[in-house]
Amino acid sequence: MKILITIQGNFVAPRFDMVSEVLIASTDGQKLTEKPRTILISRPSADELCSFITKEDIAIVVCGGIEERHYKYLCWTKKKVFDAVIGPYAEALQLVLENRLTSGTILPGAVGIEG
């Protein structure tokens, strides 16, 4: 199973439609099966990111803010979407692996983040 996290620096990116970098992690459901890889997106586009997610057979998407139509599209294509996640992407990934992440989670490492 593959997990995609939209990232900006060390954090979950605040906007799905403005993402220029993603992290993809492969897991057996409980632990990583290989080192996560970072992919740079050539130009921010929510539509192209949705196509990429489908093409790469991503099962779980972790992101910050996402427009409703993109959220619905990803759910329609059977992707599990955790949106409105704020904080360090490493913490978000760990919670996904532990099956404890929920949409709207503000991670402990998010303390002191200024937008």
PDB file of N, CA and C in Angstrom:
ATOM      1  N   MET A   1       0.854  -1.173   0.000  1.00  0.00           N
ATOM      2  CA  MET A   1       0.000   0.000   0.000  1.00  0.00           C
ATOM      3  C   MET A   1       0.902   1.238   0.000  1.00  0.00           C
ATOM      4  N   LYS A   2       0.482   2.257  -0.758  1.00  0.00           N
ATOM      5  CA  LYS A   2       1.270   3.482  -0.835  1.00  0.00           C
ATOM      6  C   LYS A   2       0.538   4.643  -0.154  1.00  0.00           C
ATOM      7  N   ILE A   3       1.329   5.453   0.534  1.00  0.00           N
ATOM      8  CA  ILE A   3       0.838   6.651   1.212  1.00  0.00           C
ATOM      9  C   ILE A   3       1.483   7.856   0.542  1.00  0.00           C
ATOM     10  N   LEU A   4       0.676   8.867   0.235  1.00  0.00           N
ATOM     11  CA  LEU A   4       1.203  10.113  -0.302  1.00  0.00           C
ATOM     12  C   LEU A   4       0.895  11.230   0.682  1.00  0.00           C
ATOM     13  N   ILE A   5       1.914  12.017   1.017  1.00  0.00           N
ATOM     14  CA  ILE A   5       1.742  13.180   1.889  1.00  0.00           C
ATOM     15  C   ILE A   5       2.203  14.403   1.113  1.00  0.00           C
ATOM     16  N   THR A   6       1.339  15.405   1.032  1.00  0.00           N
ATOM     17  CA  THR A   6       1.746  16.665   0.408  1.00  0.00           C
ATOM     18  C   THR A   6       2.636  17.384   1.418  1.00  0.00           C
ATOM     19  N   ILE A   7       3.802  17.848   0.951  1.00  0.00           N
ATOM     20  CA  ILE A   7       4.734  18.450   1.907  1.00  0.00           C
ATOM     21  C   ILE A   7       5.223  19.821   1.454  1.00  0.00           C
ATOM     22  N   GLN A   8       5.597  20.588   2.456  1.00  0.00           N
ATOM     23  CA  GLN A   8       6.240  21.888   2.258  1.00  0.00           C
ATOM     24  C   GLN A   8       7.276  22.000   3.360  1.00  0.00           C
ATOM     25  N   GLY A   9       8.540  21.905   2.996  1.00  0.00           N
ATOM     26  CA  GLY A   9       9.589  21.856   4.018  1.00  0.00           C
ATOM     27  C   GLY A   9       9.437  20.566   4.802  1.00  0.00           C
ATOM     28  N   ASN A  10       9.379  20.676   6.129  1.00  0.00           N
ATOM     29  CA  ASN A  10       9.214  19.500   6.987  1.00  0.00           C
ATOM     30  C   ASN A  10       7.770  19.277   7.414  1.00  0.00           C
ATOM     31  N   PHE A  11       6.853  20.020   6.814  1.00  0.00           N
ATOM     32  CA  PHE A  11       5.462  19.990   7.252  1.00  0.00           C
ATOM     33  C   PHE A  11       4.509  19.515   6.171  1.00  0.00           C
ATOM     34  N   VAL A  12       3.319  19.102   6.594  1.00  0.00           N
ATOM     35  CA  VAL A  12       2.248  18.809   5.650  1.00  0.00           C
ATOM     36  C   VAL A  12       1.895  20.140   4.984  1.00  0.00           C
ATOM     37  N   ALA A  13       1.850  20.141   3.657  1.00  0.00           N
ATOM     38  CA  ALA A  13       1.561  21.372   2.914  1.00  0.00           C
ATOM     39  C   ALA A  13       0.163  21.883   3.259  1.00  0.00           C
ATOM     40  N   PRO A  14       0.026  23.200   3.447  1.00  0.00           N
ATOM     41  CA  PRO A  14      -1.271  23.750   3.849  1.00  0.00           C
ATOM     42  C   PRO A  14      -2.330  23.715   2.756  1.00  0.00           C
ATOM     43  N   ARG A  15      -1.920  23.667   1.468  1.00  0.00           N
ATOM     44  CA  ARG A  15      -2.893  23.688   0.372  1.00  0.00           C
ATOM     45  C   ARG A  15      -2.567  22.634  -0.670  1.00  0.00           C
ATOM     46  N   PHE A  16      -3.528  21.786  -0.945  1.00  0.00           N
ATOM     47  CA  PHE A  16      -3.389  20.716  -1.929  1.00  0.00           C
ATOM     48  C   PHE A  16      -3.117  21.273  -3.325  1.00  0.00           C
ATOM     49  N   ASP A  17      -3.781  22.371  -3.673  1.00  0.00           N
ATOM     50  CA  ASP A  17      -3.668  22.921  -5.030  1.00  0.00           C
ATOM     51  C   ASP A  17      -2.378  23.692  -5.278  1.00  0.00           C
ATOM     52  N   MET A  18      -1.575  23.914  -4.248  1.00  0.00           N
ATOM     53  CA  MET A  18      -0.325  24.662  -4.398  1.00  0.00           C
ATOM     54  C   MET A  18       0.910  23.806  -4.100  1.00  0.00           C
ATOM     55  N   VAL A  19       0.746  22.508  -4.083  1.00  0.00           N
ATOM     56  CA  VAL A  19       1.825  21.591  -3.716  1.00  0.00           C
ATOM     57  C   VAL A  19       2.898  21.529  -4.794  1.00  0.00           C
ATOM     58  N   SER A  20       4.151  21.603  -4.366  1.00  0.00           N
ATOM     59  CA  SER A  20       5.258  21.438  -5.297  1.00  0.00           C
ATOM     60  C   SER A  20       6.138  20.238  -4.925  1.00  0.00           C
ATOM     61  N   GLU A  21       5.758  19.543  -3.840  1.00  0.00           N
ATOM     62  CA  GLU A  21       6.554  18.411  -3.384  1.00  0.00           C
ATOM     63  C   GLU A  21       5.652  17.423  -2.642  1.00  0.00           C
ATOM     64  N   VAL A  22       5.878  16.125  -2.885  1.00  0.00           N
ATOM     65  CA  VAL A  22       5.125  15.091  -2.181  1.00  0.00           C
ATOM     66  C   VAL A  22       6.081  14.026  -1.672  1.00  0.00           C
ATOM     67  N   LEU A  23       5.654  13.346  -0.627  1.00  0.00           N
ATOM     68  CA  LEU A  23       6.395  12.208  -0.081  1.00  0.00           C
ATOM     69  C   LEU A  23       5.558  10.973  -0.349  1.00  0.00           C
ATOM     70  N   ILE A  24       6.185   9.933  -0.866  1.00  0.00           N
ATOM     71  CA  ILE A  24       5.491   8.668  -1.085  1.00  0.00           C
ATOM     72  C   ILE A  24       6.188   7.603  -0.256  1.00  0.00           C
ATOM     73  N   ALA A  25       5.377   6.916   0.542  1.00  0.00           N
ATOM     74  CA  ALA A  25       5.897   5.851   1.394  1.00  0.00           C
ATOM     75  C   ALA A  25       5.142   4.560   1.093  1.00  0.00           C
ATOM     76  N   SER A  26       5.862   3.456   0.987  1.00  0.00           N
ATOM     77  CA  SER A  26       5.252   2.147   0.787  1.00  0.00           C
ATOM     78  C   SER A  26       5.236   1.417   2.118  1.00  0.00           C
ATOM     79  N   THR A  27       4.112   0.753   2.388  1.00  0.00           N
ATOM     80  CA  THR A  27       3.950   0.079   3.673  1.00  0.00           C
ATOM     81  C   THR A  27       3.245  -1.258   3.493  1.00  0.00           C
ATOM     82  N   ASP A  28       3.459  -2.131   4.438  1.00  0.00           N
ATOM     83  CA  ASP A  28       2.744  -3.406   4.435  1.00  0.00           C
ATOM     84  C   ASP A  28       1.491  -3.316   5.305  1.00  0.00           C
ATOM     85  N   GLY A  29       1.179  -2.123   5.749  1.00  0.00           N
ATOM     86  CA  GLY A  29       0.010  -1.903   6.606  1.00  0.00           C
ATOM     87  C   GLY A  29       0.388  -1.549   8.028  1.00  0.00           C
ATOM     88  N   GLN A  30       1.619  -1.877   8.422  1.00  0.00           N
ATOM     89  CA  GLN A  30       2.071  -1.583   9.775  1.00  0.00           C
ATOM     90  C   GLN A  30       3.432  -0.902   9.821  1.00  0.00           C
ATOM     91  N   LYS A  31       4.274  -1.202   8.848  1.00  0.00           N
ATOM     92  CA  LYS A  31       5.605  -0.596   8.833  1.00  0.00           C
ATOM     93  C   LYS A  31       6.017  -0.308   7.394  1.00  0.00           C
ATOM     94  N   LEU A  32       6.993   0.562   7.251  1.00  0.00           N
ATOM     95  CA  LEU A  32       7.493   0.908   5.930  1.00  0.00           C
ATOM     96  C   LEU A  32       8.214  -0.278   5.319  1.00  0.00           C
ATOM     97  N   THR A  33       8.029  -0.471   4.021  1.00  0.00           N
ATOM     98  CA  THR A  33       8.708  -1.568   3.336  1.00  0.00           C
ATOM     99  C   THR A  33       9.939  -1.076   2.584  1.00  0.00           C
ATOM    100  N   GLU A  34      10.070   0.232   2.435  1.00  0.00           N
ATOM    101  CA  GLU A  34      11.254   0.840   1.820  1.00  0.00           C
ATOM    102  C   GLU A  34      11.338   2.285   2.286  1.00  0.00           C
ATOM    103  N   LYS A  35      12.470   2.903   2.014  1.00  0.00           N
ATOM    104  CA  LYS A  35      12.669   4.298   2.406  1.00  0.00           C
ATOM    105  C   LYS A  35      11.701   5.190   1.616  1.00  0.00           C
ATOM    106  N   PRO A  36      10.983   6.104   2.304  1.00  0.00           N
ATOM    107  CA  PRO A  36      10.083   7.020   1.587  1.00  0.00           C
ATOM    108  C   PRO A  36      10.863   7.859   0.577  1.00  0.00           C
ATOM    109  N   ARG A  37      10.197   8.198  -0.520  1.00  0.00           N
ATOM    110  CA  ARG A  37      10.847   9.020  -1.540  1.00  0.00           C
ATOM    111  C   ARG A  37      10.096  10.329  -1.701  1.00  0.00           C
ATOM    112  N   THR A  38      10.840  11.369  -2.017  1.00  0.00           N
ATOM    113  CA  THR A  38      10.281  12.695  -2.235  1.00  0.00           C
ATOM    114  C   THR A  38      10.272  12.969  -3.727  1.00  0.00           C
ATOM    115  N   ILE A  39       9.162  13.496  -4.211  1.00  0.00           N
ATOM    116  CA  ILE A  39       9.026  13.817  -5.628  1.00  0.00           C
ATOM    117  C   ILE A  39       8.657  15.283  -5.761  1.00  0.00           C
ATOM    118  N   LEU A  40       9.394  15.988  -6.624  1.00  0.00           N
ATOM    119  CA  LEU A  40       9.086  17.387  -6.910  1.00  0.00           C
ATOM    120  C   LEU A  40       8.054  17.442  -8.026  1.00  0.00           C
ATOM    121  N   ILE A  41       7.062  18.295  -7.849  1.00  0.00           N
ATOM    122  CA  ILE A  41       6.006  18.480  -8.835  1.00  0.00           C
ATOM    123  C   ILE A  41       6.404  19.670  -9.711  1.00  0.00           C
ATOM    124  N   SER A  42       6.343  19.494 -11.019  1.00  0.00           N
ATOM    125  CA  SER A  42       6.812  20.538 -11.936  1.00  0.00           C
ATOM    126  C   SER A  42       6.030  21.837 -11.824  1.00  0.00           C
ATOM    127  N   ARG A  43       4.731  21.734 -11.658  1.00  0.00           N
ATOM    128  CA  ARG A  43       3.922  22.947 -11.469  1.00  0.00           C
ATOM    129  C   ARG A  43       2.724  22.586 -10.603  1.00  0.00           C
ATOM    130  N   PRO A  44       2.375  23.439  -9.670  1.00  0.00           N
ATOM    131  CA  PRO A  44       1.242  23.148  -8.795  1.00  0.00           C
ATOM    132  C   PRO A  44      -0.067  23.053  -9.579  1.00  0.00           C
ATOM    133  N   SER A  45      -0.751  21.932  -9.447  1.00  0.00           N
ATOM    134  CA  SER A  45      -2.045  21.717 -10.079  1.00  0.00           C
ATOM    135  C   SER A  45      -2.760  20.599  -9.349  1.00  0.00           C
ATOM    136  N   ALA A  46      -3.892  20.910  -8.762  1.00  0.00           N
ATOM    137  CA  ALA A  46      -4.657  19.901  -8.036  1.00  0.00           C
ATOM    138  C   ALA A  46      -5.135  18.795  -8.981  1.00  0.00           C
ATOM    139  N   ASP A  47      -5.541  19.166 -10.192  1.00  0.00           N
ATOM    140  CA  ASP A  47      -6.005  18.163 -11.159  1.00  0.00           C
ATOM    141  C   ASP A  47      -4.883  17.197 -11.533  1.00  0.00           C
ATOM    142  N   GLU A  48      -3.700  17.742 -11.808  1.00  0.00           N
ATOM    143  CA  GLU A  48      -2.570  16.885 -12.162  1.00  0.00           C
ATOM    144  C   GLU A  48      -2.129  16.027 -10.981  1.00  0.00           C
ATOM    145  N   LEU A  49      -2.212  16.572  -9.771  1.00  0.00           N
ATOM    146  CA  LEU A  49      -1.856  15.796  -8.585  1.00  0.00           C
ATOM    147  C   LEU A  49      -2.841  14.640  -8.399  1.00  0.00           C
ATOM    148  N   CYS A  50      -4.122  14.891  -8.612  1.00  0.00           N
ATOM    149  CA  CYS A  50      -5.120  13.816  -8.529  1.00  0.00           C
ATOM    150  C   CYS A  50      -4.819  12.724  -9.555  1.00  0.00           C
ATOM    151  N   SER A  51      -4.455  13.110 -10.773  1.00  0.00           N
ATOM    152  CA  SER A  51      -4.100  12.134 -11.810  1.00  0.00           C
ATOM    153  C   SER A  51      -2.871  11.336 -11.411  1.00  0.00           C
ATOM    154  N   PHE A  52      -1.880  12.016 -10.844  1.00  0.00           N
ATOM    155  CA  PHE A  52      -0.660  11.362 -10.380  1.00  0.00           C
ATOM    156  C   PHE A  52      -0.990  10.337  -9.284  1.00  0.00           C
ATOM    157  N   ILE A  53      -1.851  10.723  -8.350  1.00  0.00           N
ATOM    158  CA  ILE A  53      -2.245   9.833  -7.247  1.00  0.00           C
ATOM    159  C   ILE A  53      -2.901   8.571  -7.794  1.00  0.00           C
ATOM    160  N   THR A  54      -3.756   8.743  -8.785  1.00  0.00           N
ATOM    161  CA  THR A  54      -4.423   7.595  -9.401  1.00  0.00           C
ATOM    162  C   THR A  54      -3.429   6.728 -10.156  1.00  0.00           C
ATOM    163  N   LYS A  55      -2.570   7.362 -10.950  1.00  0.00           N
ATOM    164  CA  LYS A  55      -1.585   6.632 -11.756  1.00  0.00           C
ATOM    165  C   LYS A  55      -0.610   5.841 -10.883  1.00  0.00           C
ATOM    166  N   GLU A  56      -0.210   6.414  -9.763  1.00  0.00           N
ATOM    167  CA  GLU A  56       0.752   5.761  -8.864  1.00  0.00           C
ATOM    168  C   GLU A  56       0.100   4.743  -7.926  1.00  0.00           C
ATOM    169  N   ASP A  57      -1.208   4.570  -8.038  1.00  0.00           N
ATOM    170  CA  ASP A  57      -1.961   3.623  -7.209  1.00  0.00           C
ATOM    171  C   ASP A  57      -1.777   3.903  -5.707  1.00  0.00           C
ATOM    172  N   ILE A  58      -1.898   5.183  -5.358  1.00  0.00           N
ATOM    173  CA  ILE A  58      -1.800   5.605  -3.963  1.00  0.00           C
ATOM    174  C   ILE A  58      -3.089   5.191  -3.241  1.00  0.00           C
ATOM    175  N   ALA A  59      -2.971   4.659  -2.032  1.00  0.00           N
ATOM    176  CA  ALA A  59      -4.138   4.232  -1.263  1.00  0.00           C
ATOM    177  C   ALA A  59      -4.562   5.278  -0.244  1.00  0.00           C
ATOM    178  N   ILE A  60      -3.593   6.002   0.324  1.00  0.00           N
ATOM    179  CA  ILE A  60      -3.867   6.977   1.384  1.00  0.00           C
ATOM    180  C   ILE A  60      -3.225   8.302   1.021  1.00  0.00           C
ATOM    181  N   VAL A  61      -4.004   9.386   1.158  1.00  0.00           N
ATOM    182  CA  VAL A  61      -3.513  10.734   0.895  1.00  0.00           C
ATOM    183  C   VAL A  61      -3.632  11.538   2.182  1.00  0.00           C
ATOM    184  N   VAL A  62      -2.535  12.200   2.566  1.00  0.00           N
ATOM    185  CA  VAL A  62      -2.522  13.085   3.725  1.00  0.00           C
ATOM    186  C   VAL A  62      -2.221  14.484   3.210  1.00  0.00           C
ATOM    187  N   CYS A  63      -3.078  15.442   3.562  1.00  0.00           N
ATOM    188  CA  CYS A  63      -2.886  16.800   3.057  1.00  0.00           C
ATOM    189  C   CYS A  63      -3.468  17.819   4.037  1.00  0.00           C
ATOM    190  N   GLY A  64      -3.217  19.072   3.732  1.00  0.00           N
ATOM    191  CA  GLY A  64      -3.819  20.162   4.496  1.00  0.00           C
ATOM    192  C   GLY A  64      -5.179  20.464   3.891  1.00  0.00           C
ATOM    193  N   GLY A  65      -5.374  21.701   3.449  1.00  0.00           N
ATOM    194  CA  GLY A  65      -6.637  22.093   2.840  1.00  0.00           C
ATOM    195  C   GLY A  65      -6.767  21.546   1.432  1.00  0.00           C
ATOM    196  N   ILE A  66      -7.969  21.082   1.090  1.00  0.00           N
ATOM    197  CA  ILE A  66      -8.238  20.533  -0.238  1.00  0.00           C
ATOM    198  C   ILE A  66      -9.642  20.950  -0.648  1.00  0.00           C
ATOM    199  N   GLU A  67      -9.804  21.330  -1.910  1.00  0.00           N
ATOM    200  CA  GLU A  67     -11.122  21.704  -2.399  1.00  0.00           C
ATOM    201  C   GLU A  67     -12.039  20.481  -2.385  1.00  0.00           C
ATOM    202  N   GLU A  68     -13.312  20.735  -2.162  1.00  0.00           N
ATOM    203  CA  GLU A  68     -14.278  19.651  -2.032  1.00  0.00           C
ATOM    204  C   GLU A  68     -14.322  18.747  -3.267  1.00  0.00           C
ATOM    205  N   ARG A  69     -14.237  19.338  -4.468  1.00  0.00           N
ATOM    206  CA  ARG A  69     -14.333  18.506  -5.671  1.00  0.00           C
ATOM    207  C   ARG A  69     -13.144  17.551  -5.801  1.00  0.00           C
ATOM    208  N   HIS A  70     -11.971  17.974  -5.386  1.00  0.00           N
ATOM    209  CA  HIS A  70     -10.813  17.078  -5.429  1.00  0.00           C
ATOM    210  C   HIS A  70     -10.921  16.014  -4.338  1.00  0.00           C
ATOM    211  N   TYR A  71     -11.404  16.416  -3.174  1.00  0.00           N
ATOM    212  CA  TYR A  71     -11.630  15.468  -2.083  1.00  0.00           C
ATOM    213  C   TYR A  71     -12.614  14.382  -2.531  1.00  0.00           C
ATOM    214  N   LYS A  72     -13.726  14.814  -3.121  1.00  0.00           N
ATOM    215  CA  LYS A  72     -14.753  13.865  -3.566  1.00  0.00           C
ATOM    216  C   LYS A  72     -14.220  12.950  -4.672  1.00  0.00           C
ATOM    217  N   TYR A  73     -13.423  13.517  -5.578  1.00  0.00           N
ATOM    218  CA  TYR A  73     -12.840  12.702  -6.649  1.00  0.00           C
ATOM    219  C   TYR A  73     -11.948  11.609  -6.060  1.00  0.00           C
ATOM    220  N   LEU A  74     -11.076  11.983  -5.136  1.00  0.00           N
ATOM    221  CA  LEU A  74     -10.178  10.999  -4.541  1.00  0.00           C
ATOM    222  C   LEU A  74     -10.951   9.926  -3.784  1.00  0.00           C
ATOM    223  N   CYS A  75     -11.985  10.321  -3.059  1.00  0.00           N
ATOM    224  CA  CYS A  75     -12.819   9.341  -2.351  1.00  0.00           C
ATOM    225  C   CYS A  75     -13.544   8.437  -3.345  1.00  0.00           C
ATOM    226  N   TRP A  76     -14.027   9.015  -4.447  1.00  0.00           N
ATOM    227  CA  TRP A  76     -14.716   8.249  -5.478  1.00  0.00           C
ATOM    228  C   TRP A  76     -13.791   7.198  -6.095  1.00  0.00           C
ATOM    229  N   THR A  77     -12.501   7.529  -6.189  1.00  0.00           N
ATOM    230  CA  THR A  77     -11.528   6.576  -6.738  1.00  0.00           C
ATOM    231  C   THR A  77     -10.968   5.654  -5.648  1.00  0.00           C
ATOM    232  N   LYS A  78     -11.667   5.607  -4.527  1.00  0.00           N
ATOM    233  CA  LYS A  78     -11.356   4.684  -3.421  1.00  0.00           C
ATOM    234  C   LYS A  78     -10.069   4.998  -2.673  1.00  0.00           C
ATOM    235  N   LYS A  79      -9.681   6.280  -2.642  1.00  0.00           N
ATOM    236  CA  LYS A  79      -8.514   6.698  -1.862  1.00  0.00           C
ATOM    237  C   LYS A  79      -9.006   7.120  -0.477  1.00  0.00           C
ATOM    238  N   LYS A  80      -8.259   6.796   0.550  1.00  0.00           N
ATOM    239  CA  LYS A  80      -8.551   7.272   1.898  1.00  0.00           C
ATOM    240  C   LYS A  80      -7.851   8.613   2.032  1.00  0.00           C
ATOM    241  N   VAL A  81      -8.608   9.672   2.348  1.00  0.00           N
ATOM    242  CA  VAL A  81      -8.044  11.020   2.418  1.00  0.00           C
ATOM    243  C   VAL A  81      -8.134  11.536   3.854  1.00  0.00           C
ATOM    244  N   PHE A  82      -6.983  11.914   4.386  1.00  0.00           N
ATOM    245  CA  PHE A  82      -6.911  12.604   5.672  1.00  0.00           C
ATOM    246  C   PHE A  82      -6.576  14.048   5.342  1.00  0.00           C
ATOM    247  N   ASP A  83      -7.564  14.941   5.470  1.00  0.00           N
ATOM    248  CA  ASP A  83      -7.338  16.342   5.130  1.00  0.00           C
ATOM    249  C   ASP A  83      -7.311  17.195   6.393  1.00  0.00           C
ATOM    250  N   ALA A  84      -6.950  18.449   6.211  1.00  0.00           N
ATOM    251  CA  ALA A  84      -6.857  19.421   7.301  1.00  0.00           C
ATOM    252  C   ALA A  84      -5.862  18.975   8.376  1.00  0.00           C
ATOM    253  N   VAL A  85      -4.802  18.284   7.951  1.00  0.00           N
ATOM    254  CA  VAL A  85      -3.746  17.840   8.868  1.00  0.00           C
ATOM    255  C   VAL A  85      -2.691  18.939   8.921  1.00  0.00           C
ATOM    256  N   ILE A  86      -2.310  19.317  10.138  1.00  0.00           N
ATOM    257  CA  ILE A  86      -1.345  20.393  10.342  1.00  0.00           C
ATOM    258  C   ILE A  86      -0.180  19.872  11.169  1.00  0.00           C
ATOM    259  N   GLY A  87       1.046  20.111  10.691  1.00  0.00           N
ATOM    260  CA  GLY A  87       2.224  19.751  11.466  1.00  0.00           C
ATOM    261  C   GLY A  87       3.261  19.015  10.634  1.00  0.00           C
ATOM    262  N   PRO A  88       4.288  18.492  11.299  1.00  0.00           N
ATOM    263  CA  PRO A  88       5.381  17.804  10.607  1.00  0.00           C
ATOM    264  C   PRO A  88       4.901  16.543   9.886  1.00  0.00           C
ATOM    265  N   TYR A  89       5.336  16.374   8.640  1.00  0.00           N
ATOM    266  CA  TYR A  89       4.878  15.222   7.868  1.00  0.00           C
ATOM    267  C   TYR A  89       5.362  13.897   8.458  1.00  0.00           C
ATOM    268  N   ALA A  90       6.516  13.893   9.113  1.00  0.00           N
ATOM    269  CA  ALA A  90       7.028  12.651   9.716  1.00  0.00           C
ATOM    270  C   ALA A  90       6.089  12.155  10.812  1.00  0.00           C
ATOM    271  N   GLU A  91       5.534  13.093  11.581  1.00  0.00           N
ATOM    272  CA  GLU A  91       4.566  12.715  12.624  1.00  0.00           C
ATOM    273  C   GLU A  91       3.279  12.190  11.997  1.00  0.00           C
ATOM    274  N   ALA A  92       2.842  12.815  10.911  1.00  0.00           N
ATOM    275  CA  ALA A  92       1.636  12.364  10.219  1.00  0.00           C
ATOM    276  C   ALA A  92       1.836  10.946   9.679  1.00  0.00           C
ATOM    277  N   LEU A  93       2.994  10.692   9.074  1.00  0.00           N
ATOM    278  CA  LEU A  93       3.288   9.361   8.542  1.00  0.00           C
ATOM    279  C   LEU A  93       3.274   8.319   9.652  1.00  0.00           C
ATOM    280  N   GLN A  94       3.865   8.644  10.776  1.00  0.00           N
ATOM    281  CA  GLN A  94       3.891   7.698  11.891  1.00  0.00           C
ATOM    282  C   GLN A  94       2.478   7.367  12.366  1.00  0.00           C
ATOM    283  N   LEU A  95       1.614   8.379  12.452  1.00  0.00           N
ATOM    284  CA  LEU A  95       0.232   8.134  12.876  1.00  0.00           C
ATOM    285  C   LEU A  95      -0.536   7.301  11.859  1.00  0.00           C
ATOM    286  N   VAL A  96      -0.256   7.475  10.573  1.00  0.00           N
ATOM    287  CA  VAL A  96      -0.891   6.636   9.549  1.00  0.00           C
ATOM    288  C   VAL A  96      -0.464   5.185   9.761  1.00  0.00           C
ATOM    289  N   LEU A  97       0.821   4.968   9.988  1.00  0.00           N
ATOM    290  CA  LEU A  97       1.328   3.611  10.205  1.00  0.00           C
ATOM    291  C   LEU A  97       0.711   2.968  11.441  1.00  0.00           C
ATOM    292  N   GLU A  98       0.416   3.785  12.445  1.00  0.00           N
ATOM    293  CA  GLU A  98      -0.200   3.288  13.679  1.00  0.00           C
ATOM    294  C   GLU A  98      -1.725   3.254  13.589  1.00  0.00           C
ATOM    295  N   ASN A  99      -2.264   3.636  12.424  1.00  0.00           N
ATOM    296  CA  ASN A  99      -3.712   3.696  12.206  1.00  0.00           C
ATOM    297  C   ASN A  99      -4.398   4.620  13.218  1.00  0.00           C
ATOM    298  N   ARG A 100      -3.743   5.764  13.513  1.00  0.00           N
ATOM    299  CA  ARG A 100      -4.276   6.712  14.497  1.00  0.00           C
ATOM    300  C   ARG A 100      -4.486   8.118  13.944  1.00  0.00           C
ATOM    301  N   LEU A 101      -4.218   8.325  12.661  1.00  0.00           N
ATOM    302  CA  LEU A 101      -4.412   9.655  12.086  1.00  0.00           C
ATOM    303  C   LEU A 101      -5.880   9.862  11.737  1.00  0.00           C
ATOM    304  N   THR A 102      -6.381  11.061  11.987  1.00  0.00           N
ATOM    305  CA  THR A 102      -7.730  11.440  11.589  1.00  0.00           C
ATOM    306  C   THR A 102      -7.662  12.786  10.885  1.00  0.00           C
ATOM    307  N   SER A 103      -8.657  13.054  10.060  1.00  0.00           N
ATOM    308  CA  SER A 103      -8.741  14.358   9.417  1.00  0.00           C
ATOM    309  C   SER A 103      -8.863  15.432  10.482  1.00  0.00           C
ATOM    310  N   GLY A 104      -8.225  16.564  10.252  1.00  0.00           N
ATOM    311  CA  GLY A 104      -8.287  17.673  11.195  1.00  0.00           C
ATOM    312  C   GLY A 104      -7.290  17.596  12.331  1.00  0.00           C
ATOM    313  N   THR A 105      -6.384  16.631  12.281  1.00  0.00           N
ATOM    314  CA  THR A 105      -5.394  16.472  13.346  1.00  0.00           C
ATOM    315  C   THR A 105      -4.379  17.614  13.322  1.00  0.00           C
ATOM    316  N   ILE A 106      -4.156  18.203  14.487  1.00  0.00           N
ATOM    317  CA  ILE A 106      -3.070  19.172  14.666  1.00  0.00           C
ATOM    318  C   ILE A 106      -2.001  18.423  15.448  1.00  0.00           C
ATOM    319  N   LEU A 107      -0.898  18.165  14.783  1.00  0.00           N
ATOM    320  CA  LEU A 107       0.164  17.359  15.373  1.00  0.00           C
ATOM    321  C   LEU A 107       0.961  18.122  16.409  1.00  0.00           C
ATOM    322  N   PRO A 108       1.523  17.418  17.413  1.00  0.00           N
ATOM    323  CA  PRO A 108       2.281  18.105  18.466  1.00  0.00           C
ATOM    324  C   PRO A 108       3.400  19.003  17.936  1.00  0.00           C
ATOM    325  N   GLY A 109       4.055  18.602  16.854  1.00  0.00           N
ATOM    326  CA  GLY A 109       5.142  19.391  16.280  1.00  0.00           C
ATOM    327  C   GLY A 109       4.677  20.670  15.602  1.00  0.00           C
ATOM    328  N   ALA A 110       3.363  20.887  15.530  1.00  0.00           N
ATOM    329  CA  ALA A 110       2.819  22.082  14.881  1.00  0.00           C
ATOM    330  C   ALA A 110       2.846  23.305  15.804  1.00  0.00           C
ATOM    331  N   VAL A 111       3.153  23.111  17.069  1.00  0.00           N
ATOM    332  CA  VAL A 111       3.176  24.223  18.019  1.00  0.00           C
ATOM    333  C   VAL A 111       4.185  25.260  17.558  1.00  0.00           C
ATOM    334  N   GLY A 112       3.742  26.490  17.448  1.00  0.00           N
ATOM    335  CA  GLY A 112       4.629  27.572  17.081  1.00  0.00           C
ATOM    336  C   GLY A 112       4.707  27.848  15.592  1.00  0.00           C
ATOM    337  N   ILE A 113       3.956  27.087  14.776  1.00  0.00           N
ATOM    338  CA  ILE A 113       3.943  27.328  13.329  1.00  0.00           C
ATOM    339  C   ILE A 113       3.191  28.637  13.076  1.00  0.00           C
ATOM    340  N   GLU A 114       3.784  29.477  12.278  1.00  0.00           N
ATOM    341  CA  GLU A 114       3.103  30.702  11.892  1.00  0.00           C
ATOM    342  C   GLU A 114       2.898  30.677  10.399  1.00  0.00           C
ATOM    343  N   GLY A 115       1.689  31.056   9.949  1.00  0.00           N
ATOM    344  CA  GLY A 115       1.380  31.008   8.529  1.00  0.00           C
ATOM    345  C   GLY A 115       1.578  32.279   7.922  1.00  0.00           C
TER     346      GLY A 115
END
